[in-house]
């Protein structure tokens, strides 16, 4: 079954927010800092695809 446009957008957004790499389980590696300025323009794009909880679960710190 083909993926919908929304699924493709979600996958692309997650890949972008993860620096174009597959998600890694942080063990003893150096921490990676991700800060997302979640302004109105970003909200319009991201909020239909990912919730704030999902972003935080990905290790992204949000400035709301």
PDB file of N, CA and C in Angstrom:
ATOM      1  N   UNK A   1       0.848  -1.178   0.000  1.00  0.00           N
ATOM      2  CA  UNK A   1       0.000   0.000   0.000  1.00  0.00           C
ATOM      3  C   UNK A   1       0.896   1.245   0.000  1.00  0.00           C
ATOM      4  N   UNK A   2       0.561   2.205  -0.807  1.00  0.00           N
ATOM      5  CA  UNK A   2       1.332   3.436  -0.903  1.00  0.00           C
ATOM      6  C   UNK A   2       1.094   4.315   0.318  1.00  0.00           C
ATOM      7  N   UNK A   3       2.141   5.010   0.718  1.00  0.00           N
ATOM      8  CA  UNK A   3       2.034   5.913   1.859  1.00  0.00           C
ATOM      9  C   UNK A   3       1.295   7.179   1.435  1.00  0.00           C
ATOM     10  N   UNK A   4       0.523   7.723   2.355  1.00  0.00           N
ATOM     11  CA  UNK A   4      -0.202   8.956   2.059  1.00  0.00           C
ATOM     12  C   UNK A   4       0.761  10.141   2.104  1.00  0.00           C
ATOM     13  N   UNK A   5       0.299  11.255   1.603  1.00  0.00           N
ATOM     14  CA  UNK A   5       1.111  12.472   1.614  1.00  0.00           C
ATOM     15  C   UNK A   5       1.452  12.848   3.051  1.00  0.00           C
ATOM     16  N   UNK A   6       0.482  12.743   3.946  1.00  0.00           N
ATOM     17  CA  UNK A   6       0.711  13.095   5.347  1.00  0.00           C
ATOM     18  C   UNK A   6       1.779  12.199   5.976  1.00  0.00           C
ATOM     19  N   UNK A   7       1.737  10.895   5.691  1.00  0.00           N
ATOM     20  CA  UNK A   7       2.748   9.972   6.222  1.00  0.00           C
ATOM     21  C   UNK A   7       4.130  10.321   5.686  1.00  0.00           C
ATOM     22  N   UNK A   8       4.207  10.654   4.408  1.00  0.00           N
ATOM     23  CA  UNK A   8       5.489  11.037   3.806  1.00  0.00           C
ATOM     24  C   UNK A   8       6.010  12.327   4.426  1.00  0.00           C
ATOM     25  N   UNK A   9       5.125  13.286   4.682  1.00  0.00           N
ATOM     26  CA  UNK A   9       5.535  14.541   5.312  1.00  0.00           C
ATOM     27  C   UNK A   9       6.046  14.289   6.727  1.00  0.00           C
ATOM     28  N   UNK A  10       5.360  13.421   7.474  1.00  0.00           N
ATOM     29  CA  UNK A  10       5.770  13.110   8.839  1.00  0.00           C
ATOM     30  C   UNK A  10       7.136  12.445   8.850  1.00  0.00           C
ATOM     31  N   UNK A  11       7.352  11.491   7.964  1.00  0.00           N
ATOM     32  CA  UNK A  11       8.650  10.810   7.879  1.00  0.00           C
ATOM     33  C   UNK A  11       9.748  11.808   7.514  1.00  0.00           C
ATOM     34  N   UNK A  12       9.482  12.683   6.555  1.00  0.00           N
ATOM     35  CA  UNK A  12      10.474  13.677   6.136  1.00  0.00           C
ATOM     36  C   UNK A  12      10.791  14.648   7.267  1.00  0.00           C
ATOM     37  N   UNK A  13       9.781  15.068   8.008  1.00  0.00           N
ATOM     38  CA  UNK A  13       9.993  15.991   9.122  1.00  0.00           C
ATOM     39  C   UNK A  13      10.818  15.334  10.227  1.00  0.00           C
ATOM     40  N   UNK A  14      10.493  14.094  10.572  1.00  0.00           N
ATOM     41  CA  UNK A  14      11.257  13.381  11.602  1.00  0.00           C
ATOM     42  C   UNK A  14      12.708  13.190  11.170  1.00  0.00           C
ATOM     43  N   UNK A  15      12.926  12.874   9.903  1.00  0.00           N
ATOM     44  CA  UNK A  15      14.286  12.707   9.394  1.00  0.00           C
ATOM     45  C   UNK A  15      15.048  14.030   9.482  1.00  0.00           C
ATOM     46  N   UNK A  16      14.400  15.135   9.112  1.00  0.00           N
ATOM     47  CA  UNK A  16      15.044  16.445   9.177  1.00  0.00           C
ATOM     48  C   UNK A  16      15.408  16.805  10.615  1.00  0.00           C
ATOM     49  N   UNK A  17      14.481  16.560  11.541  1.00  0.00           N
ATOM     50  CA  UNK A  17      14.731  16.899  12.938  1.00  0.00           C
ATOM     51  C   UNK A  17      15.761  15.977  13.583  1.00  0.00           C
ATOM     52  N   UNK A  18      16.036  14.847  12.971  1.00  0.00           N
ATOM     53  CA  UNK A  18      17.039  13.923  13.492  1.00  0.00           C
ATOM     54  C   UNK A  18      18.340  14.036  12.696  1.00  0.00           C
ATOM     55  N   UNK A  19      18.565  15.170  12.069  1.00  0.00           N
ATOM     56  CA  UNK A  19      19.786  15.453  11.310  1.00  0.00           C
ATOM     57  C   UNK A  19      20.010  14.434  10.196  1.00  0.00           C
ATOM     58  N   UNK A  20      18.940  14.014   9.540  1.00  0.00           N
ATOM     59  CA  UNK A  20      18.984  13.111   8.390  1.00  0.00           C
ATOM     60  C   UNK A  20      19.621  11.762   8.725  1.00  0.00           C
ATOM     61  N   UNK A  21      19.465  11.318   9.967  1.00  0.00           N
ATOM     62  CA  UNK A  21      20.022  10.037  10.409  1.00  0.00           C
ATOM     63  C   UNK A  21      18.931   9.229  11.095  1.00  0.00           C
ATOM     64  N   UNK A  22      19.073   7.899  11.109  1.00  0.00           N
ATOM     65  CA  UNK A  22      18.081   7.090  11.827  1.00  0.00           C
ATOM     66  C   UNK A  22      18.149   7.356  13.323  1.00  0.00           C
ATOM     67  N   UNK A  23      17.047   7.211  14.035  1.00  0.00           N
ATOM     68  CA  UNK A  23      17.059   7.447  15.482  1.00  0.00           C
ATOM     69  C   UNK A  23      18.004   6.484  16.184  1.00  0.00           C
ATOM     70  N   UNK A  24      18.787   7.015  17.100  1.00  0.00           N
ATOM     71  CA  UNK A  24      19.743   6.206  17.847  1.00  0.00           C
ATOM     72  C   UNK A  24      19.375   6.195  19.311  1.00  0.00           C
ATOM     73  N   UNK A  25      19.660   5.102  19.953  1.00  0.00           N
ATOM     74  CA  UNK A  25      19.501   5.030  21.404  1.00  0.00           C
ATOM     75  C   UNK A  25      20.769   5.604  22.019  1.00  0.00           C
ATOM     76  N   UNK A  26      20.653   6.720  22.708  1.00  0.00           N
ATOM     77  CA  UNK A  26      21.818   7.341  23.324  1.00  0.00           C
ATOM     78  C   UNK A  26      22.318   6.476  24.467  1.00  0.00           C
ATOM     79  N   UNK A  27      23.531   5.999  24.327  1.00  0.00           N
ATOM     80  CA  UNK A  27      24.132   5.195  25.388  1.00  0.00           C
ATOM     81  C   UNK A  27      25.164   6.052  26.094  1.00  0.00           C
ATOM     82  N   UNK A  28      26.413   5.831  25.807  1.00  0.00           N
ATOM     83  CA  UNK A  28      27.471   6.619  26.428  1.00  0.00           C
ATOM     84  C   UNK A  28      27.970   7.693  25.473  1.00  0.00           C
ATOM     85  N   UNK A  29      27.276   7.883  24.381  1.00  0.00           N
ATOM     86  CA  UNK A  29      27.694   8.863  23.381  1.00  0.00           C
ATOM     87  C   UNK A  29      27.483  10.283  23.899  1.00  0.00           C
ATOM     88  N   UNK A  30      28.174  11.191  23.274  1.00  0.00           N
ATOM     89  CA  UNK A  30      28.031  12.602  23.612  1.00  0.00           C
ATOM     90  C   UNK A  30      26.606  13.048  23.285  1.00  0.00           C
ATOM     91  N   UNK A  31      25.982  13.833  24.159  1.00  0.00           N
ATOM     92  CA  UNK A  31      24.596  14.248  23.903  1.00  0.00           C
ATOM     93  C   UNK A  31      24.497  15.163  22.680  1.00  0.00           C
ATOM     94  N   UNK A  32      23.382  15.060  21.997  1.00  0.00           N
ATOM     95  CA  UNK A  32      23.105  15.901  20.836  1.00  0.00           C
ATOM     96  C   UNK A  32      22.021  16.877  21.244  1.00  0.00           C
ATOM     97  N   UNK A  33      22.284  18.159  21.033  1.00  0.00           N
ATOM     98  CA  UNK A  33      21.318  19.191  21.408  1.00  0.00           C
ATOM     99  C   UNK A  33      20.483  19.550  20.200  1.00  0.00           C
ATOM    100  N   UNK A  34      19.176  19.575  20.401  1.00  0.00           N
ATOM    101  CA  UNK A  34      18.244  19.982  19.351  1.00  0.00           C
ATOM    102  C   UNK A  34      17.315  21.023  19.948  1.00  0.00           C
ATOM    103  N   UNK A  35      17.339  22.207  19.392  1.00  0.00           N
ATOM    104  CA  UNK A  35      16.458  23.276  19.858  1.00  0.00           C
ATOM    105  C   UNK A  35      15.602  23.706  18.675  1.00  0.00           C
ATOM    106  N   UNK A  36      14.315  23.719  18.896  1.00  0.00           N
ATOM    107  CA  UNK A  36      13.381  24.099  17.849  1.00  0.00           C
ATOM    108  C   UNK A  36      12.630  25.340  18.301  1.00  0.00           C
ATOM    109  N   UNK A  37      12.762  26.420  17.558  1.00  0.00           N
ATOM    110  CA  UNK A  37      11.988  27.626  17.832  1.00  0.00           C
ATOM    111  C   UNK A  37      10.615  27.400  17.200  1.00  0.00           C
ATOM    112  N   UNK A  38       9.633  27.205  18.043  1.00  0.00           N
ATOM    113  CA  UNK A  38       8.293  26.796  17.604  1.00  0.00           C
ATOM    114  C   UNK A  38       7.408  28.029  17.477  1.00  0.00           C
ATOM    115  N   UNK A  39       7.676  28.852  16.462  1.00  0.00           N
ATOM    116  CA  UNK A  39       6.909  30.079  16.261  1.00  0.00           C
ATOM    117  C   UNK A  39       5.636  29.778  15.471  1.00  0.00           C
ATOM    118  N   UNK A  40       4.889  30.804  15.139  1.00  0.00           N
ATOM    119  CA  UNK A  40       3.608  30.621  14.443  1.00  0.00           C
ATOM    120  C   UNK A  40       3.780  29.914  13.093  1.00  0.00           C
ATOM    121  N   UNK A  41       4.811  30.302  12.350  1.00  0.00           N
ATOM    122  CA  UNK A  41       5.030  29.684  11.045  1.00  0.00           C
ATOM    123  C   UNK A  41       5.379  28.207  11.206  1.00  0.00           C
ATOM    124  N   UNK A  42       6.230  27.898  12.172  1.00  0.00           N
ATOM    125  CA  UNK A  42       6.585  26.507  12.441  1.00  0.00           C
ATOM    126  C   UNK A  42       5.399  25.697  12.923  1.00  0.00           C
ATOM    127  N   UNK A  43       4.577  26.314  13.755  1.00  0.00           N
ATOM    128  CA  UNK A  43       3.375  25.632  14.245  1.00  0.00           C
ATOM    129  C   UNK A  43       2.452  25.246  13.093  1.00  0.00           C
ATOM    130  N   UNK A  44       2.283  26.150  12.147  1.00  0.00           N
ATOM    131  CA  UNK A  44       1.401  25.877  11.010  1.00  0.00           C
ATOM    132  C   UNK A  44       1.867  24.659  10.215  1.00  0.00           C
ATOM    133  N   UNK A  45       3.168  24.445  10.153  1.00  0.00           N
ATOM    134  CA  UNK A  45       3.721  23.333   9.388  1.00  0.00           C
ATOM    135  C   UNK A  45       3.799  22.057  10.222  1.00  0.00           C
ATOM    136  N   UNK A  46       4.280  22.174  11.451  1.00  0.00           N
ATOM    137  CA  UNK A  46       4.595  20.992  12.262  1.00  0.00           C
ATOM    138  C   UNK A  46       3.400  20.441  13.026  1.00  0.00           C
ATOM    139  N   UNK A  47       2.548  21.300  13.567  1.00  0.00           N
ATOM    140  CA  UNK A  47       1.481  20.825  14.456  1.00  0.00           C
ATOM    141  C   UNK A  47       0.510  19.828  13.817  1.00  0.00           C
ATOM    142  N   UNK A  48       0.197  19.918  12.525  1.00  0.00           N
ATOM    143  CA  UNK A  48      -0.676  18.875  11.962  1.00  0.00           C
ATOM    144  C   UNK A  48       0.018  17.509  11.854  1.00  0.00           C
ATOM    145  N   UNK A  49       1.350  17.503  11.925  1.00  0.00           N
ATOM    146  CA  UNK A  49       2.102  16.266  11.718  1.00  0.00           C
ATOM    147  C   UNK A  49       2.592  15.630  13.013  1.00  0.00           C
ATOM    148  N   UNK A  50       3.077  16.448  13.953  1.00  0.00           N
ATOM    149  CA  UNK A  50       3.652  15.933  15.196  1.00  0.00           C
ATOM    150  C   UNK A  50       3.145  16.738  16.382  1.00  0.00           C
ATOM    151  N   UNK A  51       2.875  16.053  17.472  1.00  0.00           N
ATOM    152  CA  UNK A  51       2.476  16.751  18.697  1.00  0.00           C
ATOM    153  C   UNK A  51       3.728  17.201  19.450  1.00  0.00           C
ATOM    154  N   UNK A  52       3.552  18.096  20.406  1.00  0.00           N
ATOM    155  CA  UNK A  52       4.665  18.559  21.232  1.00  0.00           C
ATOM    156  C   UNK A  52       5.275  17.378  21.980  1.00  0.00           C
ATOM    157  N   UNK A  53       4.436  16.462  22.458  1.00  0.00           N
ATOM    158  CA  UNK A  53       4.937  15.278  23.165  1.00  0.00           C
ATOM    159  C   UNK A  53       5.834  14.433  22.254  1.00  0.00           C
ATOM    160  N   UNK A  54       5.425  14.254  21.005  1.00  0.00           N
ATOM    161  CA  UNK A  54       6.242  13.486  20.064  1.00  0.00           C
ATOM    162  C   UNK A  54       7.583  14.174  19.819  1.00  0.00           C
ATOM    163  N   UNK A  55       7.566  15.499  19.721  1.00  0.00           N
ATOM    164  CA  UNK A  55       8.814  16.236  19.530  1.00  0.00           C
ATOM    165  C   UNK A  55       9.730  16.054  20.736  1.00  0.00           C
ATOM    166  N   UNK A  56       9.176  16.167  21.927  1.00  0.00           N
ATOM    167  CA  UNK A  56       9.987  15.987  23.136  1.00  0.00           C
ATOM    168  C   UNK A  56      10.511  14.566  23.241  1.00  0.00           C
ATOM    169  N   UNK A  57       9.701  13.587  22.841  1.00  0.00           N
ATOM    170  CA  UNK A  57      10.150  12.189  22.842  1.00  0.00           C
ATOM    171  C   UNK A  57      11.321  11.977  21.885  1.00  0.00           C
ATOM    172  N   UNK A  58      11.415  12.816  20.862  1.00  0.00           N
ATOM    173  CA  UNK A  58      12.528  12.739  19.914  1.00  0.00           C
ATOM    174  C   UNK A  58      13.766  13.451  20.446  1.00  0.00           C
ATOM    175  N   UNK A  59      13.671  14.036  21.641  1.00  0.00           N
ATOM    176  CA  UNK A  59      14.816  14.715  22.240  1.00  0.00           C
ATOM    177  C   UNK A  59      14.944  16.162  21.831  1.00  0.00           C
ATOM    178  N   UNK A  60      13.857  16.754  21.379  1.00  0.00           N
ATOM    179  CA  UNK A  60      13.888  18.142  20.923  1.00  0.00           C
ATOM    180  C   UNK A  60      13.375  19.045  22.029  1.00  0.00           C
ATOM    181  N   UNK A  61      14.159  20.064  22.353  1.00  0.00           N
ATOM    182  CA  UNK A  61      13.754  21.061  23.328  1.00  0.00           C
ATOM    183  C   UNK A  61      13.052  22.177  22.573  1.00  0.00           C
ATOM    184  N   UNK A  62      11.870  22.515  23.018  1.00  0.00           N
ATOM    185  CA  UNK A  62      11.078  23.534  22.332  1.00  0.00           C
ATOM    186  C   UNK A  62      11.074  24.833  23.115  1.00  0.00           C
ATOM    187  N   UNK A  63      11.201  25.934  22.404  1.00  0.00           N
ATOM    188  CA  UNK A  63      11.000  27.258  22.990  1.00  0.00           C
ATOM    189  C   UNK A  63       9.641  27.723  22.495  1.00  0.00           C
ATOM    190  N   UNK A  64       8.641  27.679  23.372  1.00  0.00           N
ATOM    191  CA  UNK A  64       7.272  28.026  22.969  1.00  0.00           C
ATOM    192  C   UNK A  64       6.988  29.489  23.186  1.00  0.00           C
TER     193      UNK A  64
END
